[in-house]
C-alpha atoms as a PDB file:
ATOM      1  CA  MET A   1      -0.150  -0.056   0.042  1.00  0.00           C
ATOM      2  CA  LEU A   2       2.572   2.313   1.080  1.00  0.00           C
ATOM      3  CA  LEU A   3       4.722   1.821  -2.128  1.00  0.00           C
ATOM      4  CA  HIS A   4       2.086   2.303  -4.353  1.00  0.00           C
ATOM      5  CA  ASN A   5       1.204   5.769  -2.376  1.00  0.00           C
ATOM      6  CA  ALA A   6       4.608   6.753  -3.001  1.00  0.00           C
ATOM      7  CA  THR A   7       4.811   5.528  -6.779  1.00  0.00           C
ATOM      8  CA  LYS A   8       1.806   7.295  -7.474  1.00  0.00           C
ATOM      9  CA  GLY A   9       2.116  10.810  -5.774  1.00  0.00           C
ATOM     10  CA  SER A  10       5.927  10.854  -7.299  1.00  0.00           C
ATOM     11  CA  GLN A  11       4.432  10.316 -10.538  1.00  0.00           C
ATOM     12  CA  ALA A  12       1.846  13.587  -9.407  1.00  0.00           C
ATOM     13  CA  MET A  13       4.955  15.826  -8.272  1.00  0.00           C
ATOM     14  CA  SER A  14       6.730  14.738 -11.546  1.00  0.00           C
ATOM     15  CA  ILE A  15       3.804  16.577 -13.123  1.00  0.00           C
ATOM     16  CA  LEU A  16       3.545  19.370 -10.692  1.00  0.00           C
ATOM     17  CA  HIS A  17       7.115  19.559 -11.425  1.00  0.00           C
ATOM     18  CA  SER A  18       7.342  20.617 -14.718  1.00  0.00           C
ATOM     19  CA  ILE A  19       4.049  22.862 -14.700  1.00  0.00           C
ATOM     20  CA  GLY A  20       6.143  24.913 -12.154  1.00  0.00           C
ATOM     21  CA  ALA A  21       6.703  23.846  -8.560  1.00  0.00           C
ATOM     22  CA  ASN A  22      10.326  23.938  -9.458  1.00  0.00           C
ATOM     23  CA  ALA A  23      13.472  26.364  -8.425  1.00  0.00           C
ATOM     24  CA  THR A  24      12.260  29.053 -11.212  1.00  0.00           C
ATOM     25  CA  GLY A  25       8.951  28.201 -11.336  1.00  0.00           C
ATOM     26  CA  PHE A  26       6.433  29.531  -8.746  1.00  0.00           C
ATOM     27  CA  ASP A  27       7.059  31.061  -5.780  1.00  0.00           C
ATOM     28  CA  LYS A  28       8.035  28.565  -3.058  1.00  0.00           C
ATOM     29  CA  GLN A  29       5.417  28.973  -0.740  1.00  0.00           C
ATOM     30  CA  LEU A  30       3.001  28.576  -3.635  1.00  0.00           C
ATOM     31  CA  SER A  31       5.001  25.552  -4.652  1.00  0.00           C
ATOM     32  CA  PHE A  32       5.059  24.053  -1.307  1.00  0.00           C
ATOM     33  CA  GLN A  33       1.331  25.146  -0.970  1.00  0.00           C
ATOM     34  CA  PHE A  34       0.407  22.580  -4.173  1.00  0.00           C
ATOM     35  CA  TYR A  35       2.161  19.731  -2.667  1.00  0.00           C
ATOM     36  CA  LYS A  36       0.484  19.766   0.355  1.00  0.00           C
ATOM     37  CA  CYS A  37      -3.331  19.985  -1.078  1.00  0.00           C
ATOM     38  CA  TYR A  38      -2.520  18.067  -4.314  1.00  0.00           C
ATOM     39  CA  ILE A  39       0.444  15.710  -3.544  1.00  0.00           C
ATOM     40  CA  ARG A  40       0.822  14.683   0.314  1.00  0.00           C
ATOM     41  CA  PRO A  41      -2.949  13.403   0.725  1.00  0.00           C
ATOM     42  CA  ILE A  42      -2.101  10.868  -2.404  1.00  0.00           C
ATOM     43  CA  PHE A  43       1.161   9.913  -0.057  1.00  0.00           C
ATOM     44  CA  GLU A  44      -1.174   9.760   3.250  1.00  0.00           C
ATOM     45  CA  TYR A  45      -3.846   7.412   1.416  1.00  0.00           C
ATOM     46  CA  ALA A  46      -5.154   5.137   4.397  1.00  0.00           C
ATOM     47  CA  LEU A  47      -2.207   5.703   6.413  1.00  0.00           C
ATOM     48  CA  PRO A  48      -4.187   6.626   9.735  1.00  0.00           C
ATOM     49  CA  LEU A  49      -5.252   3.049   9.360  1.00  0.00           C
ATOM     50  CA  LEU A  50      -2.421   1.287   8.811  1.00  0.00           C
ATOM     51  CA  THR A  51       0.299   0.120  11.322  1.00  0.00           C
ATOM     52  CA  PRO A  52       3.537  -0.143   9.492  1.00  0.00           C
ATOM     53  CA  THR A  53       7.049  -0.674  10.696  1.00  0.00           C
ATOM     54  CA  ASN A  54       9.861   1.839  10.395  1.00  0.00           C
ATOM     55  CA  ASN A  55      11.224   0.420   6.944  1.00  0.00           C
ATOM     56  CA  GLU A  56       7.992   0.926   5.183  1.00  0.00           C
ATOM     57  CA  LEU A  57       7.237   4.528   6.367  1.00  0.00           C
ATOM     58  CA  LYS A  58      10.869   5.397   5.255  1.00  0.00           C
ATOM     59  CA  ILE A  59       9.451   4.674   1.615  1.00  0.00           C
ATOM     60  CA  LEU A  60       6.682   7.755   2.222  1.00  0.00           C
ATOM     61  CA  GLU A  61       9.372   9.888   3.914  1.00  0.00           C
ATOM     62  CA  LYS A  62      11.893   9.105   0.850  1.00  0.00           C
ATOM     63  CA  ALA A  63       9.268  10.068  -1.331  1.00  0.00           C
ATOM     64  CA  GLN A  64       8.298  13.396   0.749  1.00  0.00           C
ATOM     65  CA  ASP A  65      12.061  14.488   0.631  1.00  0.00           C
ATOM     66  CA  ASN A  66      12.575  13.649  -2.995  1.00  0.00           C
ATOM     67  CA  ALA A  67       9.489  15.829  -3.448  1.00  0.00           C
ATOM     68  CA  CYS A  68      10.737  18.924  -1.683  1.00  0.00           C
ATOM     69  CA  ARG A  69      14.166  18.391  -3.737  1.00  0.00           C
ATOM     70  CA  LEU A  70      12.339  18.637  -6.720  1.00  0.00           C
ATOM     71  CA  ILE A  71      10.388  22.165  -5.562  1.00  0.00           C
ATOM     72  CA  MET A  72      14.026  23.599  -4.357  1.00  0.00           C
ATOM     73  CA  ARG A  73      16.466  21.508  -7.084  1.00  0.00           C
ATOM     74  CA  GLY A  74      18.212  19.917  -4.214  1.00  0.00           C
ATOM     75  CA  HIS A  75      20.809  16.493  -5.244  1.00  0.00           C
ATOM     76  CA  LYS A  76      19.390  13.251  -3.865  1.00  0.00           C
ATOM     77  CA  SER A  77      20.781  13.279  -0.517  1.00  0.00           C
ATOM     78  CA  SER A  78      20.155  17.154   0.461  1.00  0.00           C
ATOM     79  CA  SER A  79      18.815  17.582   3.877  1.00  0.00           C
ATOM     80  CA  THR A  80      15.086  18.714   3.738  1.00  0.00           C
ATOM     81  CA  GLN A  81      14.726  19.152   7.518  1.00  0.00           C
ATOM     82  CA  VAL A  82      15.052  23.020   7.550  1.00  0.00           C
ATOM     83  CA  ILE A  83      12.769  23.566   4.295  1.00  0.00           C
ATOM     84  CA  LYS A  84      10.022  20.907   5.518  1.00  0.00           C
ATOM     85  CA  HIS A  85       9.851  23.077   9.061  1.00  0.00           C
ATOM     86  CA  MET A  86       9.869  26.184   7.047  1.00  0.00           C
ATOM     87  CA  ASN A  87       6.900  25.550   5.458  1.00  0.00           C
ATOM     88  CA  ASN A  88       5.072  23.871   8.275  1.00  0.00           C
ATOM     89  CA  MET A  89       5.448  20.402   7.029  1.00  0.00           C
ATOM     90  CA  ALA A  90       6.098  17.334   9.117  1.00  0.00           C
ATOM     91  CA  ASN A  91       7.370  14.022   9.160  1.00  0.00           C
ATOM     92  CA  MET A  92       4.982  11.715   7.539  1.00  0.00           C
ATOM     93  CA  SER A  93       5.528   9.411  10.381  1.00  0.00           C
ATOM     94  CA  ASP A  94       4.333  12.783  12.545  1.00  0.00           C
ATOM     95  CA  ARG A  95       2.002  12.771   9.881  1.00  0.00           C
ATOM     96  CA  MET A  96       0.321   9.501  10.190  1.00  0.00           C
ATOM     97  CA  VAL A  97       0.092   9.894  14.028  1.00  0.00           C
ATOM     98  CA  VAL A  98      -1.978  13.357  13.967  1.00  0.00           C
ATOM     99  CA  LEU A  99      -4.179  11.986  11.385  1.00  0.00           C
ATOM    100  CA  CYS A 100      -4.976   8.516  13.107  1.00  0.00           C
ATOM    101  CA  ALA A 101      -5.680  10.444  16.378  1.00  0.00           C
ATOM    102  CA  LYS A 102      -7.994  12.987  14.714  1.00  0.00           C
ATOM    103  CA  ASN A 103     -10.047  10.116  13.143  1.00  0.00           C
ATOM    104  CA  LEU A 104      -9.823   8.091  16.606  1.00  0.00           C
ATOM    105  CA  VAL A 105     -11.596  11.444  17.954  1.00  0.00           C
ATOM    106  CA  ARG A 106     -14.219  11.722  15.079  1.00  0.00           C
ATOM    107  CA  VAL A 107     -14.887   7.536  15.905  1.00  0.00           C
ATOM    108  CA  GLN A 108     -15.988   8.563  19.398  1.00  0.00           C
ATOM    109  CA  GLN A 109     -18.305  11.545  18.170  1.00  0.00           C
ATOM    110  CA  LEU A 110     -19.862   9.906  15.565  1.00  0.00           C
ATOM    111  CA  PRO A 111     -24.016   9.894  16.348  1.00  0.00           C
ATOM    112  CA  ALA A 112     -25.011   6.782  18.375  1.00  0.00           C
ATOM    113  CA  ASP A 113     -27.053   5.150  15.822  1.00  0.00           C
ATOM    114  CA  ALA A 114     -24.087   5.370  12.829  1.00  0.00           C
ATOM    115  CA  LEU A 115     -23.380   2.132  11.049  1.00  0.00           C
ATOM    116  CA  LEU A 116     -19.557   2.349  12.460  1.00  0.00           C
ATOM    117  CA  THR A 117     -20.541   3.111  15.666  1.00  0.00           C
ATOM    118  CA  LEU A 118     -22.721  -0.123  15.953  1.00  0.00           C
ATOM    119  CA  PHE A 119     -20.301  -1.961  14.755  1.00  0.00           C
ATOM    120  CA  LEU A 120     -17.617  -0.907  16.729  1.00  0.00           C
ATOM    121  CA  GLN A 121     -19.724  -1.645  20.070  1.00  0.00           C
ATOM    122  CA  GLN A 122     -19.602  -5.480  18.704  1.00  0.00           C
ATOM    123  CA  LEU A 123     -16.033  -5.265  18.118  1.00  0.00           C
ATOM    124  CA  ILE A 124     -14.310  -3.342  21.122  1.00  0.00           C
ATOM    125  CA  THR A 125     -14.706  -6.127  23.385  1.00  0.00           C
ATOM    126  CA  SER A 126     -12.219  -8.410  20.784  1.00  0.00           C
ATOM    127  CA  ARG A 127      -8.864  -8.469  21.539  1.00  0.00           C
ATOM    128  CA  THR A 128      -8.109  -8.297  17.783  1.00  0.00           C
ATOM    129  CA  CYS A 129      -9.913  -5.337  17.379  1.00  0.00           C
ATOM    130  CA  HIS A 130      -7.867  -3.112  15.116  1.00  0.00           C
ATOM    131  CA  LEU A 131      -8.933   0.019  16.427  1.00  0.00           C
ATOM    132  CA  LYS A 132      -7.346  -0.816  20.154  1.00  0.00           C
ATOM    133  CA  LYS A 133      -4.374  -1.522  18.499  1.00  0.00           C
ATOM    134  CA  LEU A 134      -4.687   2.215  16.962  1.00  0.00           C
ATOM    135  CA  GLN A 135      -5.553   3.680  20.183  1.00  0.00           C
ATOM    136  CA  THR A 136      -2.509   1.797  21.914  1.00  0.00           C
ATOM    137  CA  ARG A 137      -0.118   2.848  19.499  1.00  0.00           C
ATOM    138  CA  ASN A 138      -1.077   6.877  19.127  1.00  0.00           C
ATOM    139  CA  PRO A 139       0.433   8.745  21.644  1.00  0.00           C
ATOM    140  CA  ILE A 140      -1.742  11.449  21.322  1.00  0.00           C
ATOM    141  CA  TRP A 141      -4.636   9.551  21.903  1.00  0.00           C
ATOM    142  CA  GLN A 142      -2.778   8.378  25.265  1.00  0.00           C
ATOM    143  CA  ARG A 143      -2.646  11.945  26.421  1.00  0.00           C
ATOM    144  CA  LEU A 144      -6.017  12.826  25.710  1.00  0.00           C
ATOM    145  CA  ILE A 145      -7.332   9.458  28.044  1.00  0.00           C
ATOM    146  CA  ALA A 146      -4.683   9.972  30.673  1.00  0.00           C
ATOM    147  CA  ASP A 147      -6.771  11.992  32.846  1.00  0.00           C
ATOM    148  CA  LEU A 148     -10.152  10.287  31.903  1.00  0.00           C
ATOM    149  CA  PRO A 149     -11.159   7.346  34.751  1.00  0.00           C
ATOM    150  CA  THR A 150     -10.804   3.705  33.130  1.00  0.00           C
ATOM    151  CA  THR A 151     -13.718   1.025  33.058  1.00  0.00           C
ATOM    152  CA  ARG A 152     -13.954  -2.179  31.942  1.00  0.00           C
ATOM    153  CA  THR A 153     -16.965  -1.630  29.807  1.00  0.00           C
ATOM    154  CA  PRO A 154     -17.052   0.026  26.671  1.00  0.00           C
ATOM    155  CA  GLN A 155     -17.965   3.762  26.680  1.00  0.00           C
ATOM    156  CA  ARG A 156     -18.085   6.865  24.726  1.00  0.00           C
ATOM    157  CA  ILE A 157     -15.358   9.511  25.238  1.00  0.00           C
ATOM    158  CA  TYR A 158     -15.916  12.957  24.518  1.00  0.00           C
ATOM    159  CA  ILE A 159     -12.577  14.805  23.558  1.00  0.00           C
ATOM    160  CA  ASP A 160     -12.773  18.281  23.545  1.00  0.00           C
ATOM    161  CA  LYS A 161     -11.601  20.171  20.217  1.00  0.00           C
ATOM    162  CA  THR A 162      -9.122  22.396  21.958  1.00  0.00           C
ATOM    163  CA  ASP A 163      -7.670  19.869  23.775  1.00  0.00           C
ATOM    164  CA  LEU A 164      -7.163  17.963  20.711  1.00  0.00           C
ATOM    165  CA  LYS A 165      -5.201  20.769  19.348  1.00  0.00           C
ATOM    166  CA  LEU A 166      -3.146  21.276  21.836  1.00  0.00           C
ATOM    167  CA  GLN A 167      -2.439  18.139  22.200  1.00  0.00           C
ATOM    168  CA  LEU A 168      -1.779  17.947  18.341  1.00  0.00           C
ATOM    169  CA  ASN A 169       0.333  21.103  18.447  1.00  0.00           C
ATOM    170  CA  GLN A 170       1.927  20.058  21.464  1.00  0.00           C
ATOM    171  CA  PHE A 171       3.205  16.718  19.594  1.00  0.00           C
ATOM    172  CA  LEU A 172       4.477  18.198  16.636  1.00  0.00           C
ATOM    173  CA  LEU A 173       6.569  20.844  18.854  1.00  0.00           C
ATOM    174  CA  ASP A 174       8.149  17.877  20.908  1.00  0.00           C
ATOM    175  CA  GLN A 175       9.051  16.199  17.724  1.00  0.00           C
ATOM    176  CA  TRP A 176      10.558  19.297  16.024  1.00  0.00           C
ATOM    177  CA  HIS A 177      12.885  19.937  19.197  1.00  0.00           C
ATOM    178  CA  SER A 178      13.808  16.712  18.951  1.00  0.00           C
ATOM    179  CA  THR A 179      14.999  16.989  15.555  1.00  0.00           C
ATOM    180  CA  GLN A 180      16.454  20.281  16.239  1.00  0.00           C
ATOM    181  CA  SER A 181      18.879  18.137  18.724  1.00  0.00           C
ATOM    182  CA  LYS A 182      19.646  15.915  15.605  1.00  0.00           C
ATOM    183  CA  PHE A 183      20.467  18.104  13.054  1.00  0.00           C
ATOM    184  CA  VAL A 184      23.045  21.474  13.308  1.00  0.00           C
ATOM    185  CA  TYR A 185      21.219  23.810  10.835  1.00  0.00           C
ATOM    186  CA  ALA A 186      17.738  22.706  12.251  1.00  0.00           C
ATOM    187  CA  GLY A 187      18.879  23.766  15.524  1.00  0.00           C
ATOM    188  CA  HIS A 188      19.267  27.266  14.030  1.00  0.00           C
ATOM    189  CA  CYS A 189      15.528  27.864  12.795  1.00  0.00           C
ATOM    190  CA  ARG A 190      12.573  28.617  14.855  1.00  0.00           C
ATOM    191  CA  THR A 191      11.444  26.820  17.623  1.00  0.00           C
ATOM    192  CA  THR A 192       7.838  27.440  17.386  1.00  0.00           C
ATOM    193  CA  LEU A 193       5.756  25.653  14.392  1.00  0.00           C
ATOM    194  CA  GLY A 194       4.301  27.797  11.340  1.00  0.00           C
ATOM    195  CA  ILE A 195       5.138  29.142   8.477  1.00  0.00           C
ATOM    196  CA  ASP A 196       8.498  31.169   8.414  1.00  0.00           C
ATOM    197  CA  PRO A 197       8.235  34.440   7.401  1.00  0.00           C
ATOM    198  CA  ILE A 198      10.918  34.338   4.975  1.00  0.00           C
ATOM    199  CA  MET A 199       8.648  32.010   2.845  1.00  0.00           C
ATOM    200  CA  TYR A 200       6.180  34.974   2.544  1.00  0.00           C
ATOM    201  CA  ILE A 201       6.898  38.559   3.430  1.00  0.00           C
ATOM    202  CA  PRO A 202       8.217  40.875   0.548  1.00  0.00           C
ATOM    203  CA  MET A 203      11.864  40.211  -1.101  1.00  0.00           C
ATOM    204  CA  THR A 204      13.242  39.974  -4.355  1.00  0.00           C
ATOM    205  CA  VAL A 205      13.376  36.427  -5.846  1.00  0.00           C
ATOM    206  CA  HIS A 206      17.040  36.393  -5.195  1.00  0.00           C
ATOM    207  CA  GLU A 207      16.953  37.807  -1.612  1.00  0.00           C
ATOM    208  CA  ARG A 208      14.248  34.901  -0.849  1.00  0.00           C
ATOM    209  CA  SER A 209      16.519  32.282  -2.363  1.00  0.00           C
ATOM    210  CA  ARG A 210      19.765  33.141  -0.508  1.00  0.00           C
ATOM    211  CA  LEU A 211      17.938  33.042   2.484  1.00  0.00           C
ATOM    212  CA  ILE A 212      16.601  30.040   2.217  1.00  0.00           C
ATOM    213  CA  ARG A 213      19.492  28.567   0.729  1.00  0.00           C
ATOM    214  CA  TRP A 214      21.476  29.862   3.822  1.00  0.00           C
ATOM    215  CA  ARG A 215      18.903  28.247   6.379  1.00  0.00           C
ATOM    216  CA  MET A 216      19.248  24.970   4.874  1.00  0.00           C
ATOM    217  CA  GLY A 217      23.111  25.262   4.783  1.00  0.00           C
ATOM    218  CA  TRP A 218      23.268  25.345   0.720  1.00  0.00           C
ATOM    219  CA  LEU A 219      24.920  28.428   0.654  1.00  0.00           C
ATOM    220  CA  PRO A 220      28.261  28.727   1.150  1.00  0.00           C
ATOM    221  CA  GLY A 221      27.824  25.414  -0.365  1.00  0.00           C
ATOM    222  CA  LYS A 222      30.574  22.913  -0.794  1.00  0.00           C
ATOM    223  CA  PRO A 223      33.715  24.253   1.059  1.00  0.00           C
ATOM    224  CA  GLN A 224      36.200  25.877  -0.900  1.00  0.00           C
ATOM    225  CA  ALA A 225      39.613  27.942  -0.479  1.00  0.00           C
ATOM    226  CA  CYS A 226      37.840  31.548   0.948  1.00  0.00           C
ATOM    227  CA  ARG A 227      38.546  34.037  -1.380  1.00  0.00           C
ATOM    228  CA  ASN A 228      37.439  36.869   0.888  1.00  0.00           C
ATOM    229  CA  CYS A 229      40.301  36.395   3.257  1.00  0.00           C
ATOM    230  CA  ASN A 230      42.461  34.403   0.531  1.00  0.00           C
ATOM    231  CA  GLN A 231      44.004  32.038   3.534  1.00  0.00           C
ATOM    232  CA  ILE A 232      44.270  28.764   1.873  1.00  0.00           C
ATOM    233  CA  ASN A 233      43.600  26.739   4.871  1.00  0.00           C
ATOM    234  CA  ASN A 234      40.330  28.483   5.629  1.00  0.00           C
ATOM    235  CA  LEU A 235      37.325  27.080   3.762  1.00  0.00           C
ATOM    236  CA  THR A 236      34.142  28.796   3.347  1.00  0.00           C
ATOM    237  CA  THR A 237      31.812  27.373   5.513  1.00  0.00           C
ATOM    238  CA  GLN A 238      29.158  28.923   7.602  1.00  0.00           C
ATOM    239  CA  LEU A 239      31.032  29.070  10.496  1.00  0.00           C
ATOM    240  CA  HIS A 240      33.757  30.755   8.724  1.00  0.00           C
ATOM    241  CA  VAL A 241      32.529  33.231   6.378  1.00  0.00           C
ATOM    242  CA  THR A 242      30.397  34.480   9.853  1.00  0.00           C
ATOM    243  CA  ILE A 243      33.734  34.938  11.596  1.00  0.00           C
ATOM    244  CA  CYS A 244      35.345  36.260   8.078  1.00  0.00           C
ATOM    245  CA  PHE A 245      33.155  38.465   6.841  1.00  0.00           C
ATOM    246  CA  GLN A 246      31.807  39.547  10.561  1.00  0.00           C
ATOM    247  CA  ILE A 247      28.437  39.528  10.388  1.00  0.00           C
ATOM    248  CA  CYS A 248      27.675  39.129  13.692  1.00  0.00           C
ATOM    249  CA  GLU A 249      29.139  41.868  14.685  1.00  0.00           C
ATOM    250  CA  ASN A 250      27.805  44.161  11.551  1.00  0.00           C
ATOM    251  CA  LEU A 251      24.474  42.861  12.878  1.00  0.00           C
ATOM    252  CA  ASP A 252      25.018  43.370  16.840  1.00  0.00           C
ATOM    253  CA  MET A 253      23.809  40.046  16.986  1.00  0.00           C
ATOM    254  CA  ASP A 254      23.782  36.376  15.723  1.00  0.00           C
ATOM    255  CA  ILE A 255      22.480  36.181  12.336  1.00  0.00           C
ATOM    256  CA  HIS A 256      20.539  32.671  12.900  1.00  0.00           C
ATOM    257  CA  ALA A 257      19.078  35.029  15.970  1.00  0.00           C
ATOM    258  CA  PHE A 258      18.101  38.004  13.420  1.00  0.00           C
ATOM    259  CA  LEU A 259      16.721  35.643  11.000  1.00  0.00           C
ATOM    260  CA  ASN A 260      14.505  34.247  13.759  1.00  0.00           C
ATOM    261  CA  SER A 261      13.548  37.738  14.731  1.00  0.00           C
ATOM    262  CA  ILE A 262      12.264  38.844  11.602  1.00  0.00           C
ATOM    263  CA  PRO A 263       8.614  39.719  12.269  1.00  0.00           C
ATOM    264  CA  LYS A 264       5.425  38.335  10.251  1.00  0.00           C
ATOM    265  CA  SER A 265       4.113  42.198  10.177  1.00  0.00           C
ATOM    266  CA  PRO A 266       5.468  45.279   9.782  1.00  0.00           C
ATOM    267  CA  PRO A 267       6.698  46.897  12.798  1.00  0.00           C
ATOM    268  CA  ARG A 268       4.983  50.368  14.410  1.00  0.00           C
ATOM    269  CA  SER A 269       7.779  51.955  16.117  1.00  0.00           C
ATOM    270  CA  PRO A 270      10.075  53.966  14.049  1.00  0.00           C
ATOM    271  CA  ALA A 271      13.244  52.712  15.689  1.00  0.00           C
ATOM    272  CA  ASP A 272      12.097  49.331  14.783  1.00  0.00           C
ATOM    273  CA  LYS A 273      11.787  50.264  11.271  1.00  0.00           C
ATOM    274  CA  PHE A 274      15.253  51.914  11.371  1.00  0.00           C
ATOM    275  CA  TYR A 275      16.878  48.882  13.178  1.00  0.00           C
ATOM    276  CA  LEU A 276      15.321  46.498  10.578  1.00  0.00           C
ATOM    277  CA  GLN A 277      16.036  48.206   7.536  1.00  0.00           C
ATOM    278  CA  ASN A 278      19.602  49.133   8.426  1.00  0.00           C
ATOM    279  CA  ARG A 279      20.142  45.244   9.100  1.00  0.00           C
ATOM    280  CA  TRP A 280      18.638  43.993   6.441  1.00  0.00           C
ATOM    281  CA  ILE A 281      20.815  46.162   3.956  1.00  0.00           C
ATOM    282  CA  VAL A 282      23.723  44.234   6.169  1.00  0.00           C
ATOM    283  CA  LEU A 283      22.598  40.991   5.836  1.00  0.00           C
ATOM    284  CA  GLN A 284      21.760  41.550   2.170  1.00  0.00           C
ATOM    285  CA  GLN A 285      24.977  42.637   1.055  1.00  0.00           C
ATOM    286  CA  PHE A 286      26.769  40.089   3.095  1.00  0.00           C
ATOM    287  CA  LEU A 287      24.642  37.103   1.244  1.00  0.00           C
ATOM    288  CA  PHE A 288      25.591  38.532  -1.910  1.00  0.00           C
ATOM    289  CA  ASN A 289      29.096  39.090  -1.658  1.00  0.00           C
ATOM    290  CA  LEU A 290      29.508  35.339   0.011  1.00  0.00           C
ATOM    291  CA  GLU A 291      27.447  33.964  -3.035  1.00  0.00           C
ATOM    292  CA  SER A 292      30.291  35.778  -5.425  1.00  0.00           C
ATOM    293  CA  ILE A 293      33.105  34.327  -3.652  1.00  0.00           C
ATOM    294  CA  CYS A 294      31.319  30.886  -3.797  1.00  0.00           C
ATOM    295  CA  LEU A 295      30.666  31.010  -7.749  1.00  0.00           C
ATOM    296  CA  PRO A 296      33.293  29.833 -10.254  1.00  0.00           C
ATOM    297  CA  THR A 297      35.747  32.301 -10.956  1.00  0.00           C
ATOM    298  CA  ASP A 298      34.450  32.623 -14.830  1.00  0.00           C
ATOM    299  CA  GLU A 299      31.042  33.051 -13.717  1.00  0.00           C
ATOM    300  CA  PRO A 300      30.951  36.317 -12.267  1.00  0.00           C
ATOM    301  CA  ILE A 301      27.742  37.210  -9.776  1.00  0.00           C
ATOM    302  CA  ASP A 302      24.942  39.149 -11.724  1.00  0.00           C
ATOM    303  CA  ARG A 303      25.197  42.708  -9.882  1.00  0.00           C
ATOM    304  CA  THR A 304      21.604  43.582 -10.667  1.00  0.00           C
ATOM    305  CA  THR A 305      20.734  41.066  -8.028  1.00  0.00           C
ATOM    306  CA  TYR A 306      21.487  42.770  -5.285  1.00  0.00           C
ATOM    307  CA  THR A 307      19.265  46.015  -4.809  1.00  0.00           C
ATOM    308  CA  GLU A 308      19.093  48.293  -1.742  1.00  0.00           C
ATOM    309  CA  GLN A 309      15.633  49.336  -2.687  1.00  0.00           C
ATOM    310  CA  SER A 310      14.512  46.288  -1.743  1.00  0.00           C
ATOM    311  CA  PRO A 311      10.630  45.532  -1.204  1.00  0.00           C
ATOM    312  CA  PHE A 312      11.502  44.297   2.423  1.00  0.00           C
ATOM    313  CA  ILE A 313      12.372  47.548   3.427  1.00  0.00           C
ATOM    314  CA  ALA A 314       9.001  49.192   1.335  1.00  0.00           C
ATOM    315  CA  TRP A 315       6.933  46.680   3.563  1.00  0.00           C
ATOM    316  CA  ILE A 316       9.047  47.799   6.632  1.00  0.00           C
ATOM    317  CA  ASN A 317       7.668  51.400   6.194  1.00  0.00           C
ATOM    318  CA  GLY A 318       4.143  50.905   5.138  1.00  0.00           C
ATOM    319  CA  SER A 319       4.626  51.212   1.528  1.00  0.00           C
ATOM    320  CA  SER A 320       2.387  49.470  -1.231  1.00  0.00           C
ATOM    321  CA  PRO A 321       3.757  45.958  -1.636  1.00  0.00           C
ATOM    322  CA  SER A 322       5.361  44.987  -4.904  1.00  0.00           C
ATOM    323  CA  SER A 323       4.810  42.197  -7.086  1.00  0.00           C
ATOM    324  CA  THR A 324       7.545  40.087  -5.207  1.00  0.00           C
ATOM    325  CA  THR A 325       4.720  39.994  -2.384  1.00  0.00           C
ATOM    326  CA  THR A 326       2.971  36.880  -1.355  1.00  0.00           C
ATOM    327  CA  THR A 327       0.236  36.186   1.292  1.00  0.00           C
ATOM    328  CA  PRO A 328       0.623  33.262   3.593  1.00  0.00           C
ATOM    329  CA  PHE A 329      -1.297  30.573   3.321  1.00  0.00           C
ATOM    330  CA  ALA A 330      -3.384  28.716   6.308  1.00  0.00           C
ATOM    331  CA  HIS A 331      -0.689  26.810   8.546  1.00  0.00           C
ATOM    332  CA  HIS A 332      -1.014  22.883   7.978  1.00  0.00           C
ATOM    333  CA  ALA A 333       1.214  20.379   9.904  1.00  0.00           C
END
């Protein structure tokens, strides 16, 4: 089943990729939204009802990772943890737990005369009932019923929607924090869930591309001799270029902390506007210069890809949004 889902979803993703969900096509957030709306449901078909092994789940995880790489034009082994978090996308294993918990709650809230309810009243007493297995293996469900009185007779359980939402969010947050402790670049990202403002606030295509690639660790890319300090033994790792360009000193704070502090809406205070405007220019100068020394010497960077008249600055100052403005879509786990 999962292999069929992965194959069918990958074929659909190839079609979506060919019509614009790629590095030079649709806006990145739009591409990922298309994925979540049209491709991910194919991967997830019947997933809440299954109890797959870890090896079976890896098939879906790999299919989702490959879909992300198609959108971002990554190589076959590039990490996707950061870009999934920036677009509020959970791993398939976590999605299975979330979807299963939602369905378990819905089953309990069906009318008393519903066909499934009548069946379950007969089947729930059986030791081999699949519903019991789903309930036992689902950590979210176990948290929801932890404070409920236990009885030997089956009974309908009412779960408040607010409690369900809180438990879903807490589960996904715990899983993300666990991921942050395992992956270096994931550890630099925001600790909260939701679409990262970098994906949708106004900026040029080149600015967004550099920021996303920096977040993912793709910029500066494969380490090479640093042409900024011209020291052969110094390679262009993120740690070195951060020190070499003195970006943290120029920003007056850690670059990752600054990216995590970018607001979702324009600041109101003139002081905050001035602060963001100046540091945005410093940040973009750094990323532009970094990209220029990472390109081959026979491929000079296009100077027009840098501008101090960024749509981001116009957005900060409350000017009318430019054509690069995108609207954040509804958040999905």
